[in-house]
Amino acid sequence: MSIERIGSTERMSKIVKHNNTIYLCGQTACDEAWDISEQTQRCLQKVEGLLSEAGSSADKLLSVTIYIRDMKDFAAMNKVWDAWIADKPKPARACVEAHMARPNILVELCVTAAQ
């Protein structure tokens, strides 16, 4: 069994590869000046970069879990998501409201993709 960990720290790895599956750590964009739309866009850009680094792409998404701080932002987040995913195969997806680790984090994405 082969497991490759990329970008590891004492606490976590940015990317874990196992059996041709890519697991990304939670992606956030926590600039206090950014609203939910900007944070979502930045998270998606980070996801694309990490998937590329892992030898994958957004076309190979399997599952995405989206955590948002407040469900009042659900429609605005979805507007960005829908534009980004429009021409890609659709992954399984869940979206939940969550208490975030820091108050300026409005959205966090957890991604699993095929390699």
C-alpha atoms as a PDB file:
ATOM      1  CA  MET A   1       0.000   0.000   0.000  1.00  0.00           C
ATOM      2  CA  SER A   2       1.461   3.307  -1.105  1.00  0.00           C
ATOM      3  CA  ILE A   3       0.572   6.599   0.584  1.00  0.00           C
ATOM      4  CA  GLU A   4       2.254   9.827  -0.502  1.00  0.00           C
ATOM      5  CA  ARG A   5       2.007  12.933   1.668  1.00  0.00           C
ATOM      6  CA  ILE A   6       2.837  16.343   0.197  1.00  0.00           C
ATOM      7  CA  GLY A   7       3.316  19.558   2.138  1.00  0.00           C
ATOM      8  CA  SER A   8       3.323  17.916   5.541  1.00  0.00           C
ATOM      9  CA  THR A   9       3.675  19.783   8.815  1.00  0.00           C
ATOM     10  CA  GLU A  10       3.518  18.578  12.416  1.00  0.00           C
ATOM     11  CA  ARG A  11      -0.273  18.769  12.194  1.00  0.00           C
ATOM     12  CA  MET A  12      -1.332  17.791   8.662  1.00  0.00           C
ATOM     13  CA  SER A  13      -0.517  17.325   4.990  1.00  0.00           C
ATOM     14  CA  LYS A  14      -1.762  19.633   2.223  1.00  0.00           C
ATOM     15  CA  ILE A  15      -2.182  16.669  -0.119  1.00  0.00           C
ATOM     16  CA  VAL A  16      -2.450  12.935   0.499  1.00  0.00           C
ATOM     17  CA  LYS A  17      -2.357  10.470  -2.431  1.00  0.00           C
ATOM     18  CA  HIS A  18      -3.512   6.874  -2.009  1.00  0.00           C
ATOM     19  CA  ASN A  19      -4.682   4.321  -4.600  1.00  0.00           C
ATOM     20  CA  ASN A  20      -4.964   7.001  -7.321  1.00  0.00           C
ATOM     21  CA  THR A  21      -7.146   9.148  -5.066  1.00  0.00           C
ATOM     22  CA  ILE A  22      -6.215  12.687  -3.993  1.00  0.00           C
ATOM     23  CA  TYR A  23      -7.306  14.111  -0.635  1.00  0.00           C
ATOM     24  CA  LEU A  24      -6.806  17.827   0.014  1.00  0.00           C
ATOM     25  CA  CYS A  25      -6.748  19.481   3.408  1.00  0.00           C
ATOM     26  CA  GLY A  26      -9.455  22.086   3.997  1.00  0.00           C
ATOM     27  CA  GLN A  27      -8.957  25.150   1.804  1.00  0.00           C
ATOM     28  CA  THR A  28      -9.730  28.607   3.156  1.00  0.00           C
ATOM     29  CA  ALA A  29      -9.135  32.203   2.115  1.00  0.00           C
ATOM     30  CA  CYS A  30      -9.426  34.241   5.268  1.00  0.00           C
ATOM     31  CA  ASP A  31      -8.803  37.859   4.327  1.00  0.00           C
ATOM     32  CA  GLU A  32     -11.169  39.962   6.425  1.00  0.00           C
ATOM     33  CA  ALA A  33     -11.708  42.315   3.489  1.00  0.00           C
ATOM     34  CA  TRP A  34     -13.141  39.527   1.298  1.00  0.00           C
ATOM     35  CA  ASP A  35     -16.803  38.614   1.226  1.00  0.00           C
ATOM     36  CA  ILE A  36     -18.108  35.071   0.735  1.00  0.00           C
ATOM     37  CA  SER A  37     -17.897  35.383  -3.064  1.00  0.00           C
ATOM     38  CA  GLU A  38     -14.240  36.401  -3.062  1.00  0.00           C
ATOM     39  CA  GLN A  39     -13.314  33.810  -0.444  1.00  0.00           C
ATOM     40  CA  THR A  40     -15.076  31.079  -2.418  1.00  0.00           C
ATOM     41  CA  GLN A  41     -13.260  32.116  -5.617  1.00  0.00           C
ATOM     42  CA  ARG A  42      -9.895  32.100  -3.832  1.00  0.00           C
ATOM     43  CA  CYS A  43     -10.591  28.667  -2.307  1.00  0.00           C
ATOM     44  CA  LEU A  44     -11.439  27.261  -5.731  1.00  0.00           C
ATOM     45  CA  GLN A  45      -8.210  28.698  -7.163  1.00  0.00           C
ATOM     46  CA  LYS A  46      -6.259  27.034  -4.356  1.00  0.00           C
ATOM     47  CA  VAL A  47      -8.048  23.732  -5.009  1.00  0.00           C
ATOM     48  CA  GLU A  48      -7.130  23.897  -8.699  1.00  0.00           C
ATOM     49  CA  GLY A  49      -3.477  24.584  -7.848  1.00  0.00           C
ATOM     50  CA  LEU A  50      -3.227  21.736  -5.348  1.00  0.00           C
ATOM     51  CA  LEU A  51      -4.951  19.286  -7.681  1.00  0.00           C
ATOM     52  CA  SER A  52      -2.500  20.222 -10.434  1.00  0.00           C
ATOM     53  CA  GLU A  53       0.419  19.755  -8.021  1.00  0.00           C
ATOM     54  CA  ALA A  54      -0.963  16.286  -7.199  1.00  0.00           C
ATOM     55  CA  GLY A  55      -1.290  15.299 -10.876  1.00  0.00           C
ATOM     56  CA  SER A  56      -5.057  15.763 -11.048  1.00  0.00           C
ATOM     57  CA  SER A  57      -7.560  18.449 -12.049  1.00  0.00           C
ATOM     58  CA  ALA A  58     -11.003  19.808 -11.248  1.00  0.00           C
ATOM     59  CA  ASP A  59     -12.389  17.539 -13.998  1.00  0.00           C
ATOM     60  CA  LYS A  60     -11.592  14.590 -11.719  1.00  0.00           C
ATOM     61  CA  LEU A  61     -13.399  15.784  -8.588  1.00  0.00           C
ATOM     62  CA  LEU A  62     -15.141  12.990  -6.698  1.00  0.00           C
ATOM     63  CA  SER A  63     -16.500  14.772  -3.642  1.00  0.00           C
ATOM     64  CA  VAL A  64     -16.529  18.277  -2.174  1.00  0.00           C
ATOM     65  CA  THR A  65     -17.729  19.256   1.277  1.00  0.00           C
ATOM     66  CA  ILE A  66     -18.322  22.984   1.685  1.00  0.00           C
ATOM     67  CA  TYR A  67     -18.470  24.528   5.133  1.00  0.00           C
ATOM     68  CA  ILE A  68     -19.881  28.052   5.383  1.00  0.00           C
ATOM     69  CA  ARG A  69     -19.991  30.204   8.480  1.00  0.00           C
ATOM     70  CA  ASP A  70     -23.522  31.456   7.877  1.00  0.00           C
ATOM     71  CA  MET A  71     -26.239  29.982   5.649  1.00  0.00           C
ATOM     72  CA  LYS A  72     -27.260  33.520   4.696  1.00  0.00           C
ATOM     73  CA  ASP A  73     -24.223  33.332   2.364  1.00  0.00           C
ATOM     74  CA  PHE A  74     -25.377  30.087   0.702  1.00  0.00           C
ATOM     75  CA  ALA A  75     -26.786  31.751  -2.449  1.00  0.00           C
ATOM     76  CA  ALA A  76     -23.723  33.973  -2.967  1.00  0.00           C
ATOM     77  CA  MET A  77     -21.355  31.027  -2.482  1.00  0.00           C
ATOM     78  CA  ASN A  78     -23.419  28.911  -4.891  1.00  0.00           C
ATOM     79  CA  LYS A  79     -23.272  31.628  -7.551  1.00  0.00           C
ATOM     80  CA  VAL A  80     -19.470  31.413  -7.579  1.00  0.00           C
ATOM     81  CA  TRP A  81     -19.515  27.596  -7.333  1.00  0.00           C
ATOM     82  CA  ASP A  82     -22.042  27.232 -10.178  1.00  0.00           C
ATOM     83  CA  ALA A  83     -19.974  29.433 -12.510  1.00  0.00           C
ATOM     84  CA  TRP A  84     -16.796  27.507 -11.660  1.00  0.00           C
ATOM     85  CA  ILE A  85     -18.299  24.009 -12.015  1.00  0.00           C
ATOM     86  CA  ALA A  86     -20.478  24.776 -15.065  1.00  0.00           C
ATOM     87  CA  ASP A  87     -18.226  23.082 -17.651  1.00  0.00           C
ATOM     88  CA  LYS A  88     -16.835  20.368 -15.355  1.00  0.00           C
ATOM     89  CA  PRO A  89     -18.170  16.932 -14.366  1.00  0.00           C
ATOM     90  CA  LYS A  90     -20.184  17.377 -11.181  1.00  0.00           C
ATOM     91  CA  PRO A  91     -18.825  15.815  -7.963  1.00  0.00           C
ATOM     92  CA  ALA A  92     -20.840  14.588  -5.020  1.00  0.00           C
ATOM     93  CA  ARG A  93     -21.301  17.645  -2.805  1.00  0.00           C
ATOM     94  CA  ALA A  94     -22.453  18.584   0.665  1.00  0.00           C
ATOM     95  CA  CYS A  95     -22.728  22.049   2.189  1.00  0.00           C
ATOM     96  CA  VAL A  96     -23.116  22.661   5.898  1.00  0.00           C
ATOM     97  CA  GLU A  97     -23.071  25.629   8.234  1.00  0.00           C
ATOM     98  CA  ALA A  98     -20.141  25.423  10.626  1.00  0.00           C
ATOM     99  CA  HIS A  99     -18.417  27.322  13.386  1.00  0.00           C
ATOM    100  CA  MET A 100     -15.052  28.174  11.809  1.00  0.00           C
ATOM    101  CA  ALA A 101     -11.626  28.059  13.435  1.00  0.00           C
ATOM    102  CA  ARG A 102     -11.231  31.848  12.989  1.00  0.00           C
ATOM    103  CA  PRO A 103     -14.030  34.420  12.666  1.00  0.00           C
ATOM    104  CA  ASN A 104     -12.771  35.827   9.347  1.00  0.00           C
ATOM    105  CA  ILE A 105     -13.090  32.448   7.595  1.00  0.00           C
ATOM    106  CA  LEU A 106     -16.419  32.441   5.742  1.00  0.00           C
ATOM    107  CA  VAL A 107     -15.985  29.250   3.688  1.00  0.00           C
ATOM    108  CA  GLU A 108     -13.844  26.101   3.692  1.00  0.00           C
ATOM    109  CA  LEU A 109     -13.683  23.398   1.027  1.00  0.00           C
ATOM    110  CA  CYS A 110     -12.633  19.773   1.599  1.00  0.00           C
ATOM    111  CA  VAL A 111     -11.922  17.957  -1.661  1.00  0.00           C
ATOM    112  CA  THR A 112     -11.397  14.402  -2.840  1.00  0.00           C
ATOM    113  CA  ALA A 113     -10.448  13.725  -6.473  1.00  0.00           C
ATOM    114  CA  ALA A 114      -9.216  10.933  -8.715  1.00  0.00           C
ATOM    115  CA  GLN A 115      -5.634  11.188  -9.893  1.00  0.00           C
END
